[in-house]
Amino acid sequence: MLPLMDSMAQNLARLQERIARAAQRVGREPEKIGLVAVSKTVDAPRVRAAHAAGLRVFGENRAQELRDKSRELSDLSLEWHFVGSIQTNKVRYIVPTAELVHSVDRLAVARRISQRASAERPQRLLVQVNTSGEESKSGVQPDALDALLEGLAELPHLRVEGLMTIGPLTDDQRAIGSAFRLLRRLRDRARDAQHPRMPLQHLSMGMTHDFELAIAEGATLLRIGTAIFGRREA
């Protein structure tokens, strides 16, 4: 069996090659596609091995795990993102630890984030949109996105940098591609509106099983866990 760091390096090399091929197929530059290593339930030694293999951006989906892991690994130069559902009473664990929050879908959560952020360090965030229509998925409905963005524009201490979605749980590549395409169209329409403090440059979409489709539809941030760390408990 390979040592942990060697195994992680091999996983990362294979993943980066797949990302590069997917980007080249649609005429994109691979280096402009960011990789967020989703490290939920991954222990600190494995995160250290991933860091040694070259990863720097890690995503957590549980607020207290983000807090605890960021403290345990504070000796490393890591960028933490929060990618899970947000409870208003857990915002204090997320801000200011997370450099980017991917999953804001309610004005109440955004208000709490704005209260804990500051003018000197506004919280960067993405708005999660439910583009699949699945009731099990979090995210604002597409037809409610404009109203949410208008509400966010009124809050200080926030910088809305784009949109996020989770692809539908299906093997139907057309359905997955359609969900990602919808997110891109919603982002482009919102960007045309030129909301204040909303550069909206990012599309966070694509996980281990569907990231090639996300790249084809313009993803700028991929949230990859299994392809890096292997299968683990949810």
C-alpha atoms as a PDB file:
ATOM      1  CA  MET A   1       0.000   0.000   0.000  1.00  0.00           C
ATOM      2  CA  LEU A   2       1.280   3.448  -0.911  1.00  0.00           C
ATOM      3  CA  PRO A   3       2.142   5.886   1.893  1.00  0.00           C
ATOM      4  CA  LEU A   4      -0.657   8.378   2.513  1.00  0.00           C
ATOM      5  CA  MET A   5       1.093  11.332   0.885  1.00  0.00           C
ATOM      6  CA  ASP A   6       2.016   9.351  -2.235  1.00  0.00           C
ATOM      7  CA  SER A   7      -1.538   8.055  -2.574  1.00  0.00           C
ATOM      8  CA  MET A   8      -2.936  11.563  -2.225  1.00  0.00           C
ATOM      9  CA  ALA A   9      -0.474  12.905  -4.788  1.00  0.00           C
ATOM     10  CA  GLN A  10      -1.515  10.214  -7.270  1.00  0.00           C
ATOM     11  CA  ASN A  11      -5.213  10.983  -6.750  1.00  0.00           C
ATOM     12  CA  LEU A  12      -4.574  14.678  -7.259  1.00  0.00           C
ATOM     13  CA  ALA A  13      -2.485  14.104 -10.400  1.00  0.00           C
ATOM     14  CA  ARG A  14      -5.235  11.957 -11.943  1.00  0.00           C
ATOM     15  CA  LEU A  15      -7.863  14.556 -11.053  1.00  0.00           C
ATOM     16  CA  GLN A  16      -5.852  17.441 -12.474  1.00  0.00           C
ATOM     17  CA  GLU A  17      -5.371  15.521 -15.714  1.00  0.00           C
ATOM     18  CA  ARG A  18      -9.128  14.952 -16.001  1.00  0.00           C
ATOM     19  CA  ILE A  19      -9.788  18.641 -15.322  1.00  0.00           C
ATOM     20  CA  ALA A  20      -7.253  19.653 -17.954  1.00  0.00           C
ATOM     21  CA  ARG A  21      -8.738  17.335 -20.582  1.00  0.00           C
ATOM     22  CA  ALA A  22     -12.289  18.517 -19.838  1.00  0.00           C
ATOM     23  CA  ALA A  23     -11.210  22.157 -20.107  1.00  0.00           C
ATOM     24  CA  GLN A  24      -9.308  21.628 -23.331  1.00  0.00           C
ATOM     25  CA  ARG A  25     -12.321  19.929 -24.946  1.00  0.00           C
ATOM     26  CA  VAL A  26     -14.319  23.156 -24.608  1.00  0.00           C
ATOM     27  CA  GLY A  27     -11.470  25.596 -25.249  1.00  0.00           C
ATOM     28  CA  ARG A  28     -10.970  26.693 -21.643  1.00  0.00           C
ATOM     29  CA  GLU A  29      -7.744  27.260 -19.726  1.00  0.00           C
ATOM     30  CA  PRO A  30      -7.444  24.681 -16.902  1.00  0.00           C
ATOM     31  CA  GLU A  31      -5.552  27.074 -14.650  1.00  0.00           C
ATOM     32  CA  LYS A  32      -8.599  29.342 -14.515  1.00  0.00           C
ATOM     33  CA  ILE A  33     -10.702  26.616 -12.895  1.00  0.00           C
ATOM     34  CA  GLY A  34     -10.333  26.565  -9.107  1.00  0.00           C
ATOM     35  CA  LEU A  35     -10.330  23.356  -7.080  1.00  0.00           C
ATOM     36  CA  VAL A  36     -11.900  23.178  -3.626  1.00  0.00           C
ATOM     37  CA  ALA A  37     -10.947  19.940  -1.841  1.00  0.00           C
ATOM     38  CA  VAL A  38     -14.053  18.994   0.139  1.00  0.00           C
ATOM     39  CA  SER A  39     -12.612  17.647   3.370  1.00  0.00           C
ATOM     40  CA  LYS A  40     -15.775  16.912   5.353  1.00  0.00           C
ATOM     41  CA  THR A  41     -15.122  14.055   7.844  1.00  0.00           C
ATOM     42  CA  VAL A  42     -11.501  13.912   6.643  1.00  0.00           C
ATOM     43  CA  ASP A  43      -9.132  13.915   9.615  1.00  0.00           C
ATOM     44  CA  ALA A  44      -6.291  16.387  10.049  1.00  0.00           C
ATOM     45  CA  PRO A  45      -3.471  13.998   8.970  1.00  0.00           C
ATOM     46  CA  ARG A  46      -5.175  13.407   5.629  1.00  0.00           C
ATOM     47  CA  VAL A  47      -5.674  17.144   5.128  1.00  0.00           C
ATOM     48  CA  ARG A  48      -1.970  17.585   5.890  1.00  0.00           C
ATOM     49  CA  ALA A  49      -1.159  14.955   3.267  1.00  0.00           C
ATOM     50  CA  ALA A  50      -3.384  16.767   0.759  1.00  0.00           C
ATOM     51  CA  HIS A  51      -1.596  20.016   1.566  1.00  0.00           C
ATOM     52  CA  ALA A  52       1.757  18.320   1.048  1.00  0.00           C
ATOM     53  CA  ALA A  53       0.496  17.077  -2.331  1.00  0.00           C
ATOM     54  CA  GLY A  54      -0.159  20.685  -3.337  1.00  0.00           C
ATOM     55  CA  LEU A  55      -3.750  21.471  -2.341  1.00  0.00           C
ATOM     56  CA  ARG A  56      -4.409  24.773  -0.607  1.00  0.00           C
ATOM     57  CA  VAL A  57      -8.192  25.340  -0.674  1.00  0.00           C
ATOM     58  CA  PHE A  58     -10.416  23.116   1.472  1.00  0.00           C
ATOM     59  CA  GLY A  59     -14.186  23.057   1.851  1.00  0.00           C
ATOM     60  CA  GLU A  60     -16.189  22.015   4.907  1.00  0.00           C
ATOM     61  CA  ASN A  61     -19.947  21.525   5.167  1.00  0.00           C
ATOM     62  CA  ARG A  62     -20.339  21.499   8.948  1.00  0.00           C
ATOM     63  CA  ALA A  63     -19.757  24.733  10.814  1.00  0.00           C
ATOM     64  CA  GLN A  64     -18.220  23.285  13.965  1.00  0.00           C
ATOM     65  CA  GLU A  65     -15.993  20.936  11.990  1.00  0.00           C
ATOM     66  CA  LEU A  66     -14.761  23.958  10.045  1.00  0.00           C
ATOM     67  CA  ARG A  67     -13.967  25.763  13.291  1.00  0.00           C
ATOM     68  CA  ASP A  68     -12.205  22.799  14.890  1.00  0.00           C
ATOM     69  CA  LYS A  69     -10.229  21.709  11.848  1.00  0.00           C
ATOM     70  CA  SER A  70      -9.077  25.227  11.023  1.00  0.00           C
ATOM     71  CA  ARG A  71      -7.716  25.546  14.556  1.00  0.00           C
ATOM     72  CA  GLU A  72      -5.982  22.164  14.458  1.00  0.00           C
ATOM     73  CA  LEU A  73      -4.336  23.006  11.147  1.00  0.00           C
ATOM     74  CA  SER A  74      -3.572  26.657  11.852  1.00  0.00           C
ATOM     75  CA  ASP A  75       0.140  26.052  11.283  1.00  0.00           C
ATOM     76  CA  LEU A  76      -0.532  25.446   7.579  1.00  0.00           C
ATOM     77  CA  SER A  77      -1.318  28.081   4.977  1.00  0.00           C
ATOM     78  CA  LEU A  78      -4.818  26.956   4.026  1.00  0.00           C
ATOM     79  CA  GLU A  79      -7.821  28.725   2.560  1.00  0.00           C
ATOM     80  CA  TRP A  80     -11.098  27.487   4.016  1.00  0.00           C
ATOM     81  CA  HIS A  81     -14.437  27.571   2.224  1.00  0.00           C
ATOM     82  CA  PHE A  82     -17.832  26.669   3.660  1.00  0.00           C
ATOM     83  CA  VAL A  83     -19.962  24.605   1.283  1.00  0.00           C
ATOM     84  CA  GLY A  84     -22.812  23.216   3.417  1.00  0.00           C
ATOM     85  CA  SER A  85     -26.256  24.320   4.532  1.00  0.00           C
ATOM     86  CA  ILE A  86     -26.099  27.219   6.977  1.00  0.00           C
ATOM     87  CA  GLN A  87     -27.997  27.514  10.242  1.00  0.00           C
ATOM     88  CA  THR A  88     -28.201  31.077  11.518  1.00  0.00           C
ATOM     89  CA  ASN A  89     -27.011  30.035  14.986  1.00  0.00           C
ATOM     90  CA  LYS A  90     -23.853  28.499  13.468  1.00  0.00           C
ATOM     91  CA  VAL A  91     -22.775  31.555  11.490  1.00  0.00           C
ATOM     92  CA  ARG A  92     -20.389  32.513  14.294  1.00  0.00           C
ATOM     93  CA  TYR A  93     -18.313  29.417  13.489  1.00  0.00           C
ATOM     94  CA  ILE A  94     -18.145  30.287   9.800  1.00  0.00           C
ATOM     95  CA  VAL A  95     -17.341  34.007   9.885  1.00  0.00           C
ATOM     96  CA  PRO A  96     -14.499  34.971   9.717  1.00  0.00           C
ATOM     97  CA  THR A  97     -12.902  31.501   9.307  1.00  0.00           C
ATOM     98  CA  ALA A  98     -14.249  30.857   5.801  1.00  0.00           C
ATOM     99  CA  GLU A  99     -12.655  32.905   3.060  1.00  0.00           C
ATOM    100  CA  LEU A 100     -15.631  32.107   0.813  1.00  0.00           C
ATOM    101  CA  VAL A 101     -19.106  30.869   1.749  1.00  0.00           C
ATOM    102  CA  HIS A 102     -20.709  28.959  -1.147  1.00  0.00           C
ATOM    103  CA  SER A 103     -24.167  28.269   0.209  1.00  0.00           C
ATOM    104  CA  VAL A 104     -26.165  31.374   1.131  1.00  0.00           C
ATOM    105  CA  ASP A 105     -29.798  30.902   0.095  1.00  0.00           C
ATOM    106  CA  ARG A 106     -31.797  32.973   2.574  1.00  0.00           C
ATOM    107  CA  LEU A 107     -31.799  36.631   3.512  1.00  0.00           C
ATOM    108  CA  ALA A 108     -31.926  35.773   7.237  1.00  0.00           C
ATOM    109  CA  VAL A 109     -28.614  33.918   6.960  1.00  0.00           C
ATOM    110  CA  ALA A 110     -27.091  36.738   4.931  1.00  0.00           C
ATOM    111  CA  ARG A 111     -28.130  39.288   7.560  1.00  0.00           C
ATOM    112  CA  ARG A 112     -26.403  37.286  10.284  1.00  0.00           C
ATOM    113  CA  ILE A 113     -23.271  36.961   8.160  1.00  0.00           C
ATOM    114  CA  SER A 114     -23.254  40.700   7.477  1.00  0.00           C
ATOM    115  CA  GLN A 115     -23.565  41.413  11.203  1.00  0.00           C
ATOM    116  CA  ARG A 116     -20.504  39.307  11.997  1.00  0.00           C
ATOM    117  CA  ALA A 117     -18.385  40.550   9.093  1.00  0.00           C
ATOM    118  CA  SER A 118     -16.907  44.046   8.881  1.00  0.00           C
ATOM    119  CA  ALA A 119     -16.135  46.829   6.452  1.00  0.00           C
ATOM    120  CA  GLU A 120     -12.442  45.963   6.772  1.00  0.00           C
ATOM    121  CA  ARG A 121     -13.094  42.302   6.003  1.00  0.00           C
ATOM    122  CA  PRO A 122     -16.360  41.870   4.108  1.00  0.00           C
ATOM    123  CA  GLN A 123     -17.494  38.285   3.791  1.00  0.00           C
ATOM    124  CA  ARG A 124     -17.128  36.847   0.311  1.00  0.00           C
ATOM    125  CA  LEU A 125     -20.065  34.623  -0.584  1.00  0.00           C
ATOM    126  CA  LEU A 126     -21.953  32.808  -3.309  1.00  0.00           C
ATOM    127  CA  VAL A 127     -25.699  32.362  -3.577  1.00  0.00           C
ATOM    128  CA  GLN A 128     -26.878  28.753  -3.770  1.00  0.00           C
ATOM    129  CA  VAL A 129     -29.579  28.145  -6.376  1.00  0.00           C
ATOM    130  CA  ASN A 130     -31.693  25.011  -6.685  1.00  0.00           C
ATOM    131  CA  THR A 131     -31.412  24.471 -10.440  1.00  0.00           C
ATOM    132  CA  SER A 132     -32.545  20.832 -10.413  1.00  0.00           C
ATOM    133  CA  GLY A 133     -36.008  21.322  -8.903  1.00  0.00           C
ATOM    134  CA  GLU A 134     -35.332  18.528  -6.389  1.00  0.00           C
ATOM    135  CA  GLU A 135     -37.096  19.113  -3.081  1.00  0.00           C
ATOM    136  CA  SER A 136     -34.196  17.518  -1.204  1.00  0.00           C
ATOM    137  CA  LYS A 137     -31.804  20.205  -2.434  1.00  0.00           C
ATOM    138  CA  SER A 138     -31.139  23.478  -0.666  1.00  0.00           C
ATOM    139  CA  GLY A 139     -30.975  26.715  -2.598  1.00  0.00           C
ATOM    140  CA  VAL A 140     -33.141  29.606  -3.643  1.00  0.00           C
ATOM    141  CA  GLN A 141     -35.541  28.865  -6.477  1.00  0.00           C
ATOM    142  CA  PRO A 142     -34.448  30.390  -9.802  1.00  0.00           C
ATOM    143  CA  ASP A 143     -37.488  32.663  -9.998  1.00  0.00           C
ATOM    144  CA  ALA A 144     -36.704  34.048  -6.531  1.00  0.00           C
ATOM    145  CA  LEU A 145     -33.029  34.773  -7.208  1.00  0.00           C
ATOM    146  CA  ASP A 146     -33.475  38.377  -8.328  1.00  0.00           C
ATOM    147  CA  ALA A 147     -35.373  39.280  -5.156  1.00  0.00           C
ATOM    148  CA  LEU A 148     -32.693  37.664  -2.987  1.00  0.00           C
ATOM    149  CA  LEU A 149     -29.920  39.510  -4.815  1.00  0.00           C
ATOM    150  CA  GLU A 150     -31.776  42.792  -4.339  1.00  0.00           C
ATOM    151  CA  GLY A 151     -32.000  42.070  -0.611  1.00  0.00           C
ATOM    152  CA  LEU A 152     -28.306  41.195  -0.428  1.00  0.00           C
ATOM    153  CA  ALA A 153     -27.417  44.445  -2.168  1.00  0.00           C
ATOM    154  CA  GLU A 154     -28.889  46.330   0.800  1.00  0.00           C
ATOM    155  CA  LEU A 155     -26.670  44.593   3.356  1.00  0.00           C
ATOM    156  CA  PRO A 156     -23.239  45.974   4.266  1.00  0.00           C
ATOM    157  CA  HIS A 157     -20.109  43.872   4.758  1.00  0.00           C
ATOM    158  CA  LEU A 158     -20.927  41.349   2.013  1.00  0.00           C
ATOM    159  CA  ARG A 159     -19.307  40.708  -1.357  1.00  0.00           C
ATOM    160  CA  VAL A 160     -21.434  38.464  -3.575  1.00  0.00           C
ATOM    161  CA  GLU A 161     -19.020  36.815  -6.006  1.00  0.00           C
ATOM    162  CA  GLY A 162     -21.245  34.381  -7.876  1.00  0.00           C
ATOM    163  CA  LEU A 163     -23.653  31.487  -7.729  1.00  0.00           C
ATOM    164  CA  MET A 164     -23.479  27.856  -6.617  1.00  0.00           C
ATOM    165  CA  THR A 165     -25.537  24.782  -7.354  1.00  0.00           C
ATOM    166  CA  ILE A 166     -25.542  21.029  -6.758  1.00  0.00           C
ATOM    167  CA  GLY A 167     -26.245  18.918  -9.829  1.00  0.00           C
ATOM    168  CA  PRO A 168     -29.227  16.548  -9.836  1.00  0.00           C
ATOM    169  CA  LEU A 169     -28.733  13.069  -8.430  1.00  0.00           C
ATOM    170  CA  THR A 170     -29.071  11.166 -11.699  1.00  0.00           C
ATOM    171  CA  ASP A 171     -27.035   9.452 -14.399  1.00  0.00           C
ATOM    172  CA  ASP A 172     -28.822  11.517 -17.029  1.00  0.00           C
ATOM    173  CA  GLN A 173     -26.060  13.743 -18.378  1.00  0.00           C
ATOM    174  CA  ARG A 174     -28.559  15.942 -20.203  1.00  0.00           C
ATOM    175  CA  ALA A 175     -30.359  16.723 -16.954  1.00  0.00           C
ATOM    176  CA  ILE A 176     -27.078  17.471 -15.175  1.00  0.00           C
ATOM    177  CA  GLY A 177     -25.834  19.676 -17.992  1.00  0.00           C
ATOM    178  CA  SER A 178     -29.168  21.502 -18.087  1.00  0.00           C
ATOM    179  CA  ALA A 179     -28.957  22.327 -14.369  1.00  0.00           C
ATOM    180  CA  PHE A 180     -25.446  23.706 -14.773  1.00  0.00           C
ATOM    181  CA  ARG A 181     -26.412  25.634 -17.894  1.00  0.00           C
ATOM    182  CA  LEU A 182     -29.293  27.245 -16.023  1.00  0.00           C
ATOM    183  CA  LEU A 183     -26.924  28.464 -13.296  1.00  0.00           C
ATOM    184  CA  ARG A 184     -24.677  30.055 -15.892  1.00  0.00           C
ATOM    185  CA  ARG A 185     -27.618  31.801 -17.539  1.00  0.00           C
ATOM    186  CA  LEU A 186     -28.897  33.076 -14.195  1.00  0.00           C
ATOM    187  CA  ARG A 187     -25.421  34.387 -13.320  1.00  0.00           C
ATOM    188  CA  ASP A 188     -25.053  36.110 -16.688  1.00  0.00           C
ATOM    189  CA  ARG A 189     -28.469  37.760 -16.365  1.00  0.00           C
ATOM    190  CA  ALA A 190     -27.740  38.918 -12.808  1.00  0.00           C
ATOM    191  CA  ARG A 191     -24.338  40.234 -13.812  1.00  0.00           C
ATOM    192  CA  ASP A 192     -25.948  42.287 -16.582  1.00  0.00           C
ATOM    193  CA  ALA A 193     -28.048  43.968 -13.888  1.00  0.00           C
ATOM    194  CA  GLN A 194     -24.827  45.304 -12.320  1.00  0.00           C
ATOM    195  CA  HIS A 195     -25.804  44.950  -8.685  1.00  0.00           C
ATOM    196  CA  PRO A 196     -23.527  46.910  -6.319  1.00  0.00           C
ATOM    197  CA  ARG A 197     -20.769  44.905  -4.600  1.00  0.00           C
ATOM    198  CA  MET A 198     -21.623  41.888  -6.779  1.00  0.00           C
ATOM    199  CA  PRO A 199     -18.915  41.022  -9.302  1.00  0.00           C
ATOM    200  CA  LEU A 200     -20.577  37.608  -9.789  1.00  0.00           C
ATOM    201  CA  GLN A 201     -17.513  36.122 -11.460  1.00  0.00           C
ATOM    202  CA  HIS A 202     -17.821  32.633  -9.985  1.00  0.00           C
ATOM    203  CA  LEU A 203     -19.871  29.560 -10.801  1.00  0.00           C
ATOM    204  CA  SER A 204     -19.363  26.925  -8.104  1.00  0.00           C
ATOM    205  CA  MET A 205     -20.644  23.675  -9.577  1.00  0.00           C
ATOM    206  CA  GLY A 206     -19.365  20.197 -10.248  1.00  0.00           C
ATOM    207  CA  MET A 207     -18.407  17.385  -7.891  1.00  0.00           C
ATOM    208  CA  THR A 208     -16.532  14.114  -8.364  1.00  0.00           C
ATOM    209  CA  HIS A 209     -19.244  12.488 -10.491  1.00  0.00           C
ATOM    210  CA  ASP A 210     -20.158  15.435 -12.717  1.00  0.00           C
ATOM    211  CA  PHE A 211     -17.369  18.013 -12.797  1.00  0.00           C
ATOM    212  CA  GLU A 212     -16.553  17.501 -16.491  1.00  0.00           C
ATOM    213  CA  LEU A 213     -20.098  18.575 -17.351  1.00  0.00           C
ATOM    214  CA  ALA A 214     -19.740  21.579 -15.034  1.00  0.00           C
ATOM    215  CA  ILE A 215     -16.513  22.609 -16.749  1.00  0.00           C
ATOM    216  CA  ALA A 216     -18.284  22.479 -20.106  1.00  0.00           C
ATOM    217  CA  GLU A 217     -20.889  24.914 -18.760  1.00  0.00           C
ATOM    218  CA  GLY A 218     -18.390  27.400 -17.332  1.00  0.00           C
ATOM    219  CA  ALA A 219     -17.639  26.297 -13.755  1.00  0.00           C
ATOM    220  CA  THR A 220     -14.930  28.391 -12.122  1.00  0.00           C
ATOM    221  CA  LEU A 221     -14.875  26.459  -8.836  1.00  0.00           C
ATOM    222  CA  LEU A 222     -15.146  22.663  -8.527  1.00  0.00           C
ATOM    223  CA  ARG A 223     -16.015  21.073  -5.182  1.00  0.00           C
ATOM    224  CA  ILE A 224     -14.245  17.698  -5.211  1.00  0.00           C
ATOM    225  CA  GLY A 225     -14.029  15.249  -2.323  1.00  0.00           C
ATOM    226  CA  THR A 226     -14.165  11.570  -3.285  1.00  0.00           C
ATOM    227  CA  ALA A 227     -11.710  11.811  -6.196  1.00  0.00           C
ATOM    228  CA  ILE A 228      -9.134  13.224  -3.771  1.00  0.00           C
ATOM    229  CA  PHE A 229      -9.813  11.553  -0.433  1.00  0.00           C
ATOM    230  CA  GLY A 230     -11.703   8.415  -1.490  1.00  0.00           C
ATOM    231  CA  ARG A 231     -15.115   7.335  -0.265  1.00  0.00           C
ATOM    232  CA  ARG A 232     -15.994   8.110   3.320  1.00  0.00           C
ATOM    233  CA  GLU A 233     -18.928   8.494   5.660  1.00  0.00           C
ATOM    234  CA  ALA A 234     -21.285  11.381   4.823  1.00  0.00           C
END
